[in-house]
Protein backbone atom coordinates (compact mmCIF):
# COMPACT_ATOMS: atom_id res chain seq x y z
CA UNK A 1 -35.98 -44.07 0.12
CA UNK A 2 -34.55 -40.91 0.57
CA UNK A 3 -31.79 -39.86 2.82
CA UNK A 4 -34.00 -37.97 4.97
CA UNK A 5 -36.67 -40.67 5.41
CA UNK A 6 -34.24 -43.23 6.07
CA UNK A 7 -32.85 -40.96 9.18
CA UNK A 8 -36.87 -40.89 10.31
CA UNK A 9 -36.74 -44.40 10.20
CA UNK A 10 -33.59 -44.70 12.19
CA UNK A 11 -34.66 -42.31 14.73
CA UNK A 12 -38.10 -44.16 15.27
CA UNK A 13 -36.15 -47.62 15.74
CA UNK A 14 -33.67 -46.02 18.07
CA UNK A 15 -35.82 -43.20 19.70
CA UNK A 16 -39.34 -43.94 18.94
CA UNK A 17 -41.13 -42.58 22.27
CA UNK A 18 -38.83 -39.57 22.13
CA UNK A 19 -40.41 -36.32 21.11
CA UNK A 20 -39.82 -35.27 17.54
CA UNK A 21 -41.83 -32.19 17.15
CA UNK A 22 -44.25 -30.57 19.21
CA UNK A 23 -47.46 -28.81 18.06
CA UNK A 24 -48.85 -26.77 20.42
CA UNK A 25 -49.32 -28.67 23.69
CA UNK A 26 -49.46 -31.79 21.61
CA UNK A 27 -46.11 -33.82 21.59
CA UNK A 28 -45.53 -36.36 18.47
CA UNK A 29 -43.14 -38.97 19.08
CA UNK A 30 -40.89 -40.35 16.20
CA UNK A 31 -42.74 -43.19 16.01
CA UNK A 32 -45.85 -41.25 15.70
CA UNK A 33 -44.21 -39.32 12.87
CA UNK A 34 -43.05 -42.12 10.67
CA UNK A 35 -46.42 -44.01 10.85
CA UNK A 36 -48.11 -40.98 9.87
CA UNK A 37 -45.77 -40.30 6.73
CA UNK A 38 -46.16 -43.84 5.69
CA UNK A 39 -50.16 -43.42 5.63
CA UNK A 40 -49.77 -40.35 3.58
CA UNK A 41 -46.69 -41.93 1.52
CA UNK A 42 -49.02 -44.91 0.62
CA UNK A 43 -51.68 -42.33 -0.83
CA UNK A 44 -49.22 -40.43 -2.32
CA UNK A 45 -47.56 -43.46 -4.09
CA UNK A 46 -50.96 -44.15 -5.96
CA UNK A 47 -50.28 -40.45 -7.71
CA UNK A 48 -47.09 -41.84 -9.43
CA UNK A 49 -43.60 -40.55 -9.10
CA UNK A 50 -43.26 -37.32 -10.31
CA UNK A 51 -47.02 -36.37 -9.75
CA UNK A 52 -47.87 -33.13 -8.42
CA UNK A 53 -49.84 -32.40 -5.50
CA UNK A 54 -51.12 -29.31 -3.13
CA UNK A 55 -51.32 -29.82 0.69
CA UNK A 56 -53.45 -26.92 2.61
CA UNK A 57 -52.44 -27.48 5.73
CA UNK A 58 -51.19 -25.30 8.66
CA UNK A 59 -47.80 -25.88 9.97
CA UNK A 60 -47.31 -28.69 12.16
CA UNK A 61 -47.18 -32.41 12.07
CA UNK A 62 -49.83 -33.11 9.54
CA UNK A 63 -47.62 -30.96 7.44
CA UNK A 64 -44.33 -32.42 8.16
CA UNK A 65 -45.84 -35.87 7.52
CA UNK A 66 -46.81 -34.47 3.96
CA UNK A 67 -43.52 -33.26 3.18
CA UNK A 68 -41.66 -36.40 4.40
CA UNK A 69 -44.08 -38.65 2.75
CA UNK A 70 -43.86 -36.63 -0.44
CA UNK A 71 -39.86 -37.26 -0.29
CA UNK A 72 -40.73 -40.67 0.18
CA UNK A 73 -43.06 -41.41 -2.87
CA UNK A 74 -41.12 -39.06 -5.14
CA UNK A 75 -44.06 -36.51 -5.65
CA UNK A 76 -43.77 -32.98 -5.85
CA UNK A 77 -45.54 -31.22 -2.82
CA UNK A 78 -46.41 -27.64 -2.93
CA UNK A 79 -47.38 -26.46 0.98
CA UNK A 80 -50.33 -23.30 1.20
CA UNK A 81 -51.88 -22.04 3.78
CA UNK A 82 -55.04 -23.79 4.75
CA UNK A 83 -57.43 -21.21 4.21
CA UNK A 84 -56.25 -20.32 0.76
CA UNK A 85 -58.93 -19.12 -1.24
CA UNK A 86 -60.78 -22.00 -3.60
CA UNK A 87 -60.03 -19.75 -6.77
CA UNK A 88 -56.57 -19.56 -5.96
CA UNK A 89 -56.01 -22.93 -5.50
CA UNK A 90 -58.10 -23.73 -8.73
CA UNK A 91 -55.32 -21.45 -10.27
CA UNK A 92 -52.61 -23.44 -8.60
CA UNK A 93 -53.82 -26.71 -9.68
CA UNK A 94 -53.95 -25.55 -13.34
CA UNK A 95 -50.98 -23.81 -13.38
CA UNK A 96 -48.88 -26.99 -11.62
CA UNK A 97 -50.72 -29.67 -13.12
CA UNK A 98 -51.43 -30.77 -9.47
CA UNK A 99 -53.47 -34.30 -9.27
CA UNK A 100 -54.81 -33.43 -5.83
CA UNK A 101 -55.27 -31.13 -3.00
CA UNK A 102 -55.13 -32.71 0.50
CA UNK A 103 -56.44 -31.26 3.71
CA UNK A 104 -56.23 -31.83 7.23
CA UNK A 105 -56.45 -35.63 7.92
CA UNK A 106 -55.11 -36.21 4.52
CA UNK A 107 -58.53 -35.80 2.83
CA UNK A 108 -58.72 -34.92 -0.63
CA UNK A 109 -60.02 -31.48 -1.09
CA UNK A 110 -60.05 -31.71 -5.26
């Protein structure tokens, strides 16, 4: 486990209901952030340590969860804007050898 994810777990345990981050009008608690991170980490773990993936997500809770999950599962994650053109994503997949592209709500785009 990474030190960052360990700190997240500690905050979720000690300050679970407190706000970890805000996304517009939405407040995300430490407990919610940890829950989302674990859900994404489970999907990432299936790729295997050292795998590469792309997250086409806007800045916010989903991207934070994806980045934390990448740390937890040992994959390399490249964040790109959600409106990245399909052609550019295809080039990135080929150049990076990315196993998957994830979009909103952890859905696979490729």
